[in-house]
Structure formats: structure tokens, C-alpha cells
Amino acid sequence: MSLQKEDVEKIAHLARISLTEADIPLYTQNLSNILALVEQMNSVDTTGIIPMAHPLDATARLRPDIVTEVNQREHFQQNAPQTQAGLYLVPKVIE
């Protein structure tokens, strides 16, 4: 698919990108090349190919779900202006 000057101008307008007249031929060629590559990739037969979630067939290493830090709530709340029942009290900002 080959784009025309008007197509590139419309795309630039929609993307809120300002292009000079000198830039338009370069963008026209580059965008046309990108669309040609997409068409080429769409023409590949992918029947029987299982989609992958990630290009590297890796699994996430899981760690044990155990607490590794000490609860320091009281220590941190000593710096707060107001607390109540272990919660920080803040002024109401939305009416």
C-alpha cells in the first residue's frame, strides 16, 4: 500500500504532528514501507502456530510467599500529623 501526500498530511494532523513540506516525502516513503512490511507479515500462513505471550519461552521464577520485613507501622506513623486505628488521617479534598 502506497500512501499519498494527502494521506500523510491527514495522519500528521490526527497525530497532532507538524510537518514541513520538505518532510512530507520522507514520511510518505517511510510510512509506505512500514505498511508494506505489515502486508508482507499478514500474508504469512500462521495456521497451526500457537500465539506466544512473550518472544522468549521463559517462565517466571516464583519466590516463596513469606514475610521478609518487620512491621514498622508505628515507627512510620510517628511522623504523621494525625493517625487513628493504624490509619493515616488526611484532610478531605473532594466535596
PDB file of N, CA and C in Angstrom:
ATOM      1  N   MET A   1       0.860  -1.180   0.000  1.00  0.00           N
ATOM      2  CA  MET A   1       0.000   0.000   0.000  1.00  0.00           C
ATOM      3  C   MET A   1       0.896   1.229   0.000  1.00  0.00           C
ATOM      4  N   SER A   2       0.672   2.078  -0.932  1.00  0.00           N
ATOM      5  CA  SER A   2       1.467   3.292  -1.054  1.00  0.00           C
ATOM      6  C   SER A   2       0.622   4.483  -0.602  1.00  0.00           C
ATOM      7  N   LEU A   3       1.189   5.268   0.255  1.00  0.00           N
ATOM      8  CA  LEU A   3       0.474   6.442   0.749  1.00  0.00           C
ATOM      9  C   LEU A   3       0.741   7.639  -0.162  1.00  0.00           C
ATOM     10  N   GLN A   4      -0.202   8.522  -0.196  1.00  0.00           N
ATOM     11  CA  GLN A   4      -0.072   9.759  -0.953  1.00  0.00           C
ATOM     12  C   GLN A   4       0.217  10.911   0.012  1.00  0.00           C
ATOM     13  N   LYS A   5       0.580  12.037  -0.533  1.00  0.00           N
ATOM     14  CA  LYS A   5       0.894  13.224   0.267  1.00  0.00           C
ATOM     15  C   LYS A   5      -0.281  13.596   1.161  1.00  0.00           C
ATOM     16  N   GLU A   6      -1.489  13.515   0.627  1.00  0.00           N
ATOM     17  CA  GLU A   6      -2.685  13.884   1.394  1.00  0.00           C
ATOM     18  C   GLU A   6      -2.886  12.941   2.580  1.00  0.00           C
ATOM     19  N   ASP A   7      -2.571  11.665   2.374  1.00  0.00           N
ATOM     20  CA  ASP A   7      -2.702  10.690   3.461  1.00  0.00           C
ATOM     21  C   ASP A   7      -1.758  11.031   4.610  1.00  0.00           C
ATOM     22  N   VAL A   8      -0.529  11.362   4.273  1.00  0.00           N
ATOM     23  CA  VAL A   8       0.458  11.695   5.300  1.00  0.00           C
ATOM     24  C   VAL A   8       0.062  12.979   6.022  1.00  0.00           C
ATOM     25  N   GLU A   9      -0.444  13.943   5.302  1.00  0.00           N
ATOM     26  CA  GLU A   9      -0.893  15.184   5.933  1.00  0.00           C
ATOM     27  C   GLU A   9      -2.043  14.915   6.893  1.00  0.00           C
ATOM     28  N   LYS A  10      -2.968  14.035   6.498  1.00  0.00           N
ATOM     29  CA  LYS A  10      -4.095  13.704   7.368  1.00  0.00           C
ATOM     30  C   LYS A  10      -3.620  12.958   8.613  1.00  0.00           C
ATOM     31  N   ILE A  11      -2.693  12.004   8.438  1.00  0.00           N
ATOM     32  CA  ILE A  11      -2.137  11.268   9.582  1.00  0.00           C
ATOM     33  C   ILE A  11      -1.417  12.221  10.524  1.00  0.00           C
ATOM     34  N   ALA A  12      -0.639  13.139   9.964  1.00  0.00           N
ATOM     35  CA  ALA A  12       0.083  14.110  10.795  1.00  0.00           C
ATOM     36  C   ALA A  12      -0.897  14.995  11.557  1.00  0.00           C
ATOM     37  N   HIS A  13      -1.983  15.375  10.913  1.00  0.00           N
ATOM     38  CA  HIS A  13      -2.995  16.201  11.584  1.00  0.00           C
ATOM     39  C   HIS A  13      -3.639  15.430  12.732  1.00  0.00           C
ATOM     40  N   LEU A  14      -3.999  14.164  12.475  1.00  0.00           N
ATOM     41  CA  LEU A  14      -4.628  13.356  13.520  1.00  0.00           C
ATOM     42  C   LEU A  14      -3.676  13.111  14.697  1.00  0.00           C
ATOM     43  N   ALA A  15      -2.374  12.981  14.400  1.00  0.00           N
ATOM     44  CA  ALA A  15      -1.380  12.749  15.450  1.00  0.00           C
ATOM     45  C   ALA A  15      -0.888  14.053  16.058  1.00  0.00           C
ATOM     46  N   ARG A  16      -1.400  15.156  15.574  1.00  0.00           N
ATOM     47  CA  ARG A  16      -1.016  16.490  16.048  1.00  0.00           C
ATOM     48  C   ARG A  16       0.495  16.708  15.909  1.00  0.00           C
ATOM     49  N   ILE A  17       1.015  16.311  14.728  1.00  0.00           N
ATOM     50  CA  ILE A  17       2.428  16.483  14.407  1.00  0.00           C
ATOM     51  C   ILE A  17       2.511  17.512  13.293  1.00  0.00           C
ATOM     52  N   SER A  18       3.371  18.495  13.464  1.00  0.00           N
ATOM     53  CA  SER A  18       3.525  19.482  12.399  1.00  0.00           C
ATOM     54  C   SER A  18       4.673  19.042  11.492  1.00  0.00           C
ATOM     55  N   LEU A  19       4.385  18.973  10.205  1.00  0.00           N
ATOM     56  CA  LEU A  19       5.376  18.590   9.213  1.00  0.00           C
ATOM     57  C   LEU A  19       5.592  19.741   8.253  1.00  0.00           C
ATOM     58  N   THR A  20       6.833  19.913   7.839  1.00  0.00           N
ATOM     59  CA  THR A  20       7.113  20.895   6.794  1.00  0.00           C
ATOM     60  C   THR A  20       6.925  20.214   5.449  1.00  0.00           C
ATOM     61  N   GLU A  21       6.832  20.997   4.399  1.00  0.00           N
ATOM     62  CA  GLU A  21       6.675  20.446   3.055  1.00  0.00           C
ATOM     63  C   GLU A  21       7.870  19.574   2.683  1.00  0.00           C
ATOM     64  N   ALA A  22       9.053  19.900   3.210  1.00  0.00           N
ATOM     65  CA  ALA A  22      10.251  19.112   2.908  1.00  0.00           C
ATOM     66  C   ALA A  22      10.224  17.751   3.601  1.00  0.00           C
ATOM     67  N   ASP A  23       9.512  17.648   4.730  1.00  0.00           N
ATOM     68  CA  ASP A  23       9.452  16.389   5.476  1.00  0.00           C
ATOM     69  C   ASP A  23       8.464  15.388   4.884  1.00  0.00           C
ATOM     70  N   ILE A  24       7.468  15.868   4.183  1.00  0.00           N
ATOM     71  CA  ILE A  24       6.377  15.011   3.727  1.00  0.00           C
ATOM     72  C   ILE A  24       6.850  13.869   2.821  1.00  0.00           C
ATOM     73  N   PRO A  25       7.736  14.083   1.836  1.00  0.00           N
ATOM     74  CA  PRO A  25       8.165  12.946   1.009  1.00  0.00           C
ATOM     75  C   PRO A  25       8.866  11.848   1.810  1.00  0.00           C
ATOM     76  N   LEU A  26       9.681  12.230   2.775  1.00  0.00           N
ATOM     77  CA  LEU A  26      10.375  11.241   3.605  1.00  0.00           C
ATOM     78  C   LEU A  26       9.377  10.442   4.443  1.00  0.00           C
ATOM     79  N   TYR A  27       8.423  11.128   5.055  1.00  0.00           N
ATOM     80  CA  TYR A  27       7.409  10.442   5.855  1.00  0.00           C
ATOM     81  C   TYR A  27       6.512   9.567   4.970  1.00  0.00           C
ATOM     82  N   THR A  28       6.217  10.031   3.773  1.00  0.00           N
ATOM     83  CA  THR A  28       5.411   9.239   2.862  1.00  0.00           C
ATOM     84  C   THR A  28       6.110   7.924   2.536  1.00  0.00           C
ATOM     85  N   GLN A  29       7.403   7.990   2.220  1.00  0.00           N
ATOM     86  CA  GLN A  29       8.172   6.798   1.895  1.00  0.00           C
ATOM     87  C   GLN A  29       8.280   5.863   3.105  1.00  0.00           C
ATOM     88  N   ASN A  30       8.609   6.428   4.286  1.00  0.00           N
ATOM     89  CA  ASN A  30       8.771   5.594   5.487  1.00  0.00           C
ATOM     90  C   ASN A  30       7.468   4.914   5.896  1.00  0.00           C
ATOM     91  N   LEU A  31       6.372   5.659   5.898  1.00  0.00           N
ATOM     92  CA  LEU A  31       5.090   5.062   6.267  1.00  0.00           C
ATOM     93  C   LEU A  31       4.643   4.016   5.243  1.00  0.00           C
ATOM     94  N   SER A  32       4.907   4.259   3.975  1.00  0.00           N
ATOM     95  CA  SER A  32       4.568   3.274   2.946  1.00  0.00           C
ATOM     96  C   SER A  32       5.381   1.993   3.141  1.00  0.00           C
ATOM     97  N   ASN A  33       6.664   2.137   3.507  1.00  0.00           N
ATOM     98  CA  ASN A  33       7.496   0.961   3.773  1.00  0.00           C
ATOM     99  C   ASN A  33       6.978   0.171   4.974  1.00  0.00           C
ATOM    100  N   ILE A  34       6.539   0.878   6.003  1.00  0.00           N
ATOM    101  CA  ILE A  34       6.002   0.201   7.193  1.00  0.00           C
ATOM    102  C   ILE A  34       4.737  -0.560   6.828  1.00  0.00           C
ATOM    103  N   LEU A  35       3.851   0.054   6.074  1.00  0.00           N
ATOM    104  CA  LEU A  35       2.620  -0.615   5.675  1.00  0.00           C
ATOM    105  C   LEU A  35       2.898  -1.804   4.761  1.00  0.00           C
ATOM    106  N   ALA A  36       3.917  -1.701   3.900  1.00  0.00           N
ATOM    107  CA  ALA A  36       4.290  -2.829   3.038  1.00  0.00           C
ATOM    108  C   ALA A  36       4.804  -3.994   3.880  1.00  0.00           C
ATOM    109  N   LEU A  37       5.572  -3.683   4.923  1.00  0.00           N
ATOM    110  CA  LEU A  37       6.068  -4.738   5.813  1.00  0.00           C
ATOM    111  C   LEU A  37       4.911  -5.417   6.540  1.00  0.00           C
ATOM    112  N   VAL A  38       3.938  -4.642   6.985  1.00  0.00           N
ATOM    113  CA  VAL A  38       2.764  -5.211   7.662  1.00  0.00           C
ATOM    114  C   VAL A  38       1.991  -6.103   6.704  1.00  0.00           C
ATOM    115  N   GLU A  39       1.834  -5.680   5.466  1.00  0.00           N
ATOM    116  CA  GLU A  39       1.149  -6.514   4.478  1.00  0.00           C
ATOM    117  C   GLU A  39       1.908  -7.806   4.236  1.00  0.00           C
ATOM    118  N   GLN A  40       3.233  -7.712   4.185  1.00  0.00           N
ATOM    119  CA  GLN A  40       4.058  -8.907   3.990  1.00  0.00           C
ATOM    120  C   GLN A  40       3.908  -9.859   5.170  1.00  0.00           C
ATOM    121  N   MET A  41       3.891  -9.327   6.386  1.00  0.00           N
ATOM    122  CA  MET A  41       3.737 -10.175   7.566  1.00  0.00           C
ATOM    123  C   MET A  41       2.340 -10.781   7.622  1.00  0.00           C
ATOM    124  N   ASN A  42       1.319 -10.046   7.182  1.00  0.00           N
ATOM    125  CA  ASN A  42      -0.043 -10.571   7.167  1.00  0.00           C
ATOM    126  C   ASN A  42      -0.211 -11.696   6.148  1.00  0.00           C
ATOM    127  N   SER A  43       0.622 -11.725   5.128  1.00  0.00           N
ATOM    128  CA  SER A  43       0.485 -12.750   4.097  1.00  0.00           C
ATOM    129  C   SER A  43       1.091 -14.092   4.513  1.00  0.00           C
ATOM    130  N   VAL A  44       1.819 -14.127   5.615  1.00  0.00           N
ATOM    131  CA  VAL A  44       2.442 -15.368   6.081  1.00  0.00           C
ATOM    132  C   VAL A  44       1.363 -16.285   6.649  1.00  0.00           C
ATOM    133  N   ASP A  45       1.424 -17.564   6.268  1.00  0.00           N
ATOM    134  CA  ASP A  45       0.458 -18.543   6.757  1.00  0.00           C
ATOM    135  C   ASP A  45       0.837 -18.945   8.179  1.00  0.00           C
ATOM    136  N   THR A  46       0.005 -18.617   9.133  1.00  0.00           N
ATOM    137  CA  THR A  46       0.272 -18.931  10.540  1.00  0.00           C
ATOM    138  C   THR A  46      -0.675 -20.001  11.069  1.00  0.00           C
ATOM    139  N   THR A  47      -1.241 -20.784  10.178  1.00  0.00           N
ATOM    140  CA  THR A  47      -2.149 -21.843  10.588  1.00  0.00           C
ATOM    141  C   THR A  47      -1.379 -22.860  11.433  1.00  0.00           C
ATOM    142  N   GLY A  48      -1.917 -23.179  12.583  1.00  0.00           N
ATOM    143  CA  GLY A  48      -1.286 -24.162  13.462  1.00  0.00           C
ATOM    144  C   GLY A  48      -0.203 -23.590  14.358  1.00  0.00           C
ATOM    145  N   ILE A  49       0.069 -22.308  14.260  1.00  0.00           N
ATOM    146  CA  ILE A  49       1.068 -21.672  15.114  1.00  0.00           C
ATOM    147  C   ILE A  49       0.375 -21.159  16.364  1.00  0.00           C
ATOM    148  N   ILE A  50       0.888 -21.547  17.515  1.00  0.00           N
ATOM    149  CA  ILE A  50       0.298 -21.117  18.782  1.00  0.00           C
ATOM    150  C   ILE A  50       0.851 -19.735  19.135  1.00  0.00           C
ATOM    151  N   PRO A  51      -0.015 -18.757  19.391  1.00  0.00           N
ATOM    152  CA  PRO A  51       0.460 -17.424  19.772  1.00  0.00           C
ATOM    153  C   PRO A  51       1.246 -17.486  21.074  1.00  0.00           C
ATOM    154  N   MET A  52       2.261 -16.643  21.150  1.00  0.00           N
ATOM    155  CA  MET A  52       3.096 -16.597  22.356  1.00  0.00           C
ATOM    156  C   MET A  52       2.809 -15.305  23.111  1.00  0.00           C
ATOM    157  N   ALA A  53       2.917 -15.376  24.414  1.00  0.00           N
ATOM    158  CA  ALA A  53       2.739 -14.177  25.228  1.00  0.00           C
ATOM    159  C   ALA A  53       4.029 -13.376  25.291  1.00  0.00           C
ATOM    160  N   HIS A  54       5.150 -14.027  25.012  1.00  0.00           N
ATOM    161  CA  HIS A  54       6.455 -13.386  25.106  1.00  0.00           C
ATOM    162  C   HIS A  54       7.370 -14.047  24.087  1.00  0.00           C
ATOM    163  N   PRO A  55       8.248 -13.294  23.432  1.00  0.00           N
ATOM    164  CA  PRO A  55       9.107 -13.909  22.416  1.00  0.00           C
ATOM    165  C   PRO A  55      10.097 -14.919  22.988  1.00  0.00           C
ATOM    166  N   LEU A  56      10.440 -14.797  24.236  1.00  0.00           N
ATOM    167  CA  LEU A  56      11.315 -15.771  24.875  1.00  0.00           C
ATOM    168  C   LEU A  56      10.437 -16.744  25.638  1.00  0.00           C
ATOM    169  N   ASP A  57      10.585 -17.994  25.359  1.00  0.00           N
ATOM    170  CA  ASP A  57       9.756 -19.004  26.008  1.00  0.00           C
ATOM    171  C   ASP A  57      10.297 -19.244  27.420  1.00  0.00           C
ATOM    172  N   ALA A  58      10.080 -18.281  28.275  1.00  0.00           N
ATOM    173  CA  ALA A  58      10.610 -18.347  29.634  1.00  0.00           C
ATOM    174  C   ALA A  58       9.461 -18.388  30.636  1.00  0.00           C
ATOM    175  N   THR A  59       9.711 -18.990  31.746  1.00  0.00           N
ATOM    176  CA  THR A  59       8.733 -18.991  32.829  1.00  0.00           C
ATOM    177  C   THR A  59       9.258 -18.124  33.955  1.00  0.00           C
ATOM    178  N   ALA A  60       8.362 -17.511  34.669  1.00  0.00           N
ATOM    179  CA  ALA A  60       8.748 -16.642  35.768  1.00  0.00           C
ATOM    180  C   ALA A  60       9.180 -17.482  36.963  1.00  0.00           C
ATOM    181  N   ARG A  61      10.283 -17.061  37.548  1.00  0.00           N
ATOM    182  CA  ARG A  61      10.723 -17.742  38.760  1.00  0.00           C
ATOM    183  C   ARG A  61       9.888 -17.221  39.917  1.00  0.00           C
ATOM    184  N   LEU A  62       9.318 -18.122  40.667  1.00  0.00           N
ATOM    185  CA  LEU A  62       8.474 -17.731  41.784  1.00  0.00           C
ATOM    186  C   LEU A  62       9.278 -17.819  43.072  1.00  0.00           C
ATOM    187  N   ARG A  63       8.997 -16.918  43.959  1.00  0.00           N
ATOM    188  CA  ARG A  63       9.642 -16.942  45.267  1.00  0.00           C
ATOM    189  C   ARG A  63       8.621 -17.391  46.297  1.00  0.00           C
ATOM    190  N   PRO A  64       9.074 -17.887  47.409  1.00  0.00           N
ATOM    191  CA  PRO A  64       8.112 -18.281  48.439  1.00  0.00           C
ATOM    192  C   PRO A  64       7.353 -17.065  48.967  1.00  0.00           C
ATOM    193  N   ASP A  65       6.086 -17.250  49.255  1.00  0.00           N
ATOM    194  CA  ASP A  65       5.244 -16.159  49.738  1.00  0.00           C
ATOM    195  C   ASP A  65       5.361 -16.072  51.257  1.00  0.00           C
ATOM    196  N   ILE A  66       6.464 -15.500  51.711  1.00  0.00           N
ATOM    197  CA  ILE A  66       6.695 -15.347  53.151  1.00  0.00           C
ATOM    198  C   ILE A  66       7.057 -13.902  53.438  1.00  0.00           C
ATOM    199  N   VAL A  67       6.758 -13.446  54.625  1.00  0.00           N
ATOM    200  CA  VAL A  67       7.068 -12.083  55.039  1.00  0.00           C
ATOM    201  C   VAL A  67       8.566 -12.003  55.317  1.00  0.00           C
ATOM    202  N   THR A  68       9.213 -11.007  54.723  1.00  0.00           N
ATOM    203  CA  THR A  68      10.657 -10.862  54.904  1.00  0.00           C
ATOM    204  C   THR A  68      11.029  -9.580  55.645  1.00  0.00           C
ATOM    205  N   GLU A  69      10.052  -8.707  55.891  1.00  0.00           N
ATOM    206  CA  GLU A  69      10.343  -7.461  56.590  1.00  0.00           C
ATOM    207  C   GLU A  69       9.502  -7.371  57.861  1.00  0.00           C
ATOM    208  N   VAL A  70      10.018  -6.608  58.795  1.00  0.00           N
ATOM    209  CA  VAL A  70       9.340  -6.417  60.075  1.00  0.00           C
ATOM    210  C   VAL A  70       8.302  -5.310  59.923  1.00  0.00           C
ATOM    211  N   ASN A  71       7.146  -5.464  60.559  1.00  0.00           N
ATOM    212  CA  ASN A  71       6.104  -4.445  60.535  1.00  0.00           C
ATOM    213  C   ASN A  71       6.585  -3.221  61.310  1.00  0.00           C
ATOM    214  N   GLN A  72       6.702  -2.083  60.621  1.00  0.00           N
ATOM    215  CA  GLN A  72       7.182  -0.850  61.236  1.00  0.00           C
ATOM    216  C   GLN A  72       6.127   0.251  61.183  1.00  0.00           C
ATOM    217  N   ARG A  73       4.857  -0.134  61.198  1.00  0.00           N
ATOM    218  CA  ARG A  73       3.777   0.833  61.070  1.00  0.00           C
ATOM    219  C   ARG A  73       3.859   1.912  62.144  1.00  0.00           C
ATOM    220  N   GLU A  74       4.007   1.531  63.399  1.00  0.00           N
ATOM    221  CA  GLU A  74       4.044   2.522  64.484  1.00  0.00           C
ATOM    222  C   GLU A  74       5.215   3.479  64.305  1.00  0.00           C
ATOM    223  N   HIS A  75       6.353   2.966  63.876  1.00  0.00           N
ATOM    224  CA  HIS A  75       7.537   3.805  63.665  1.00  0.00           C
ATOM    225  C   HIS A  75       7.267   4.855  62.579  1.00  0.00           C
ATOM    226  N   PHE A  76       6.658   4.439  61.459  1.00  0.00           N
ATOM    227  CA  PHE A  76       6.391   5.367  60.374  1.00  0.00           C
ATOM    228  C   PHE A  76       5.270   6.346  60.722  1.00  0.00           C
ATOM    229  N   GLN A  77       4.295   5.909  61.502  1.00  0.00           N
ATOM    230  CA  GLN A  77       3.180   6.792  61.829  1.00  0.00           C
ATOM    231  C   GLN A  77       3.543   7.816  62.892  1.00  0.00           C
ATOM    232  N   GLN A  78       4.682   7.686  63.517  1.00  0.00           N
ATOM    233  CA  GLN A  78       5.116   8.708  64.482  1.00  0.00           C
ATOM    234  C   GLN A  78       5.350  10.045  63.777  1.00  0.00           C
ATOM    235  N   ASN A  79       5.681  10.024  62.495  1.00  0.00           N
ATOM    236  CA  ASN A  79       5.937  11.250  61.741  1.00  0.00           C
ATOM    237  C   ASN A  79       4.668  11.875  61.183  1.00  0.00           C
ATOM    238  N   ALA A  80       3.568  11.144  61.189  1.00  0.00           N
ATOM    239  CA  ALA A  80       2.321  11.640  60.608  1.00  0.00           C
ATOM    240  C   ALA A  80       1.653  12.628  61.553  1.00  0.00           C
ATOM    241  N   PRO A  81       1.018  13.672  61.005  1.00  0.00           N
ATOM    242  CA  PRO A  81       0.328  14.636  61.864  1.00  0.00           C
ATOM    243  C   PRO A  81      -0.843  14.011  62.622  1.00  0.00           C
ATOM    244  N   GLN A  82      -1.611  13.124  61.959  1.00  0.00           N
ATOM    245  CA  GLN A  82      -2.762  12.509  62.615  1.00  0.00           C
ATOM    246  C   GLN A  82      -2.903  11.062  62.152  1.00  0.00           C
ATOM    247  N   THR A  83      -3.156  10.183  63.109  1.00  0.00           N
ATOM    248  CA  THR A  83      -3.454   8.785  62.797  1.00  0.00           C
ATOM    249  C   THR A  83      -4.593   8.321  63.705  1.00  0.00           C
ATOM    250  N   GLN A  84      -5.278   7.294  63.271  1.00  0.00           N
ATOM    251  CA  GLN A  84      -6.345   6.733  64.081  1.00  0.00           C
ATOM    252  C   GLN A  84      -6.494   5.260  63.704  1.00  0.00           C
ATOM    253  N   ALA A  85      -6.426   4.386  64.660  1.00  0.00           N
ATOM    254  CA  ALA A  85      -6.595   2.950  64.479  1.00  0.00           C
ATOM    255  C   ALA A  85      -5.634   2.398  63.427  1.00  0.00           C
ATOM    256  N   GLY A  86      -4.408   2.916  63.412  1.00  0.00           N
ATOM    257  CA  GLY A  86      -3.408   2.431  62.475  1.00  0.00           C
ATOM    258  C   GLY A  86      -3.505   3.008  61.077  1.00  0.00           C
ATOM    259  N   LEU A  87      -4.384   4.002  60.882  1.00  0.00           N
ATOM    260  CA  LEU A  87      -4.560   4.614  59.569  1.00  0.00           C
ATOM    261  C   LEU A  87      -4.137   6.070  59.612  1.00  0.00           C
ATOM    262  N   TYR A  88      -3.688   6.582  58.459  1.00  0.00           N
ATOM    263  CA  TYR A  88      -3.331   7.989  58.358  1.00  0.00           C
ATOM    264  C   TYR A  88      -4.597   8.807  58.125  1.00  0.00           C
ATOM    265  N   LEU A  89      -4.742   9.909  58.830  1.00  0.00           N
ATOM    266  CA  LEU A  89      -5.889  10.806  58.637  1.00  0.00           C
ATOM    267  C   LEU A  89      -5.408  11.969  57.789  1.00  0.00           C
ATOM    268  N   VAL A  90      -6.152  12.239  56.717  1.00  0.00           N
ATOM    269  CA  VAL A  90      -5.794  13.332  55.806  1.00  0.00           C
ATOM    270  C   VAL A  90      -6.998  14.235  55.634  1.00  0.00           C
ATOM    271  N   PRO A  91      -6.786  15.499  55.287  1.00  0.00           N
ATOM    272  CA  PRO A  91      -7.912  16.396  55.089  1.00  0.00           C
ATOM    273  C   PRO A  91      -8.728  15.999  53.858  1.00  0.00           C
ATOM    274  N   LYS A  92     -10.008  16.252  53.906  1.00  0.00           N
ATOM    275  CA  LYS A  92     -10.889  15.964  52.783  1.00  0.00           C
ATOM    276  C   LYS A  92     -10.587  16.933  51.653  1.00  0.00           C
ATOM    277  N   VAL A  93     -10.348  16.401  50.452  1.00  0.00           N
ATOM    278  CA  VAL A  93     -10.009  17.261  49.327  1.00  0.00           C
ATOM    279  C   VAL A  93     -11.106  17.280  48.255  1.00  0.00           C
ATOM    280  N   ILE A  94     -12.040  16.344  48.310  1.00  0.00           N
ATOM    281  CA  ILE A  94     -13.140  16.313  47.338  1.00  0.00           C
ATOM    282  C   ILE A  94     -14.435  16.450  48.107  1.00  0.00           C
ATOM    283  N   GLU A  95     -15.251  17.372  47.665  1.00  0.00           N
ATOM    284  CA  GLU A  95     -16.528  17.580  48.356  1.00  0.00           C
ATOM    285  C   GLU A  95     -17.652  16.847  47.674  1.00  0.00           C
TER     286      GLU A  95
END
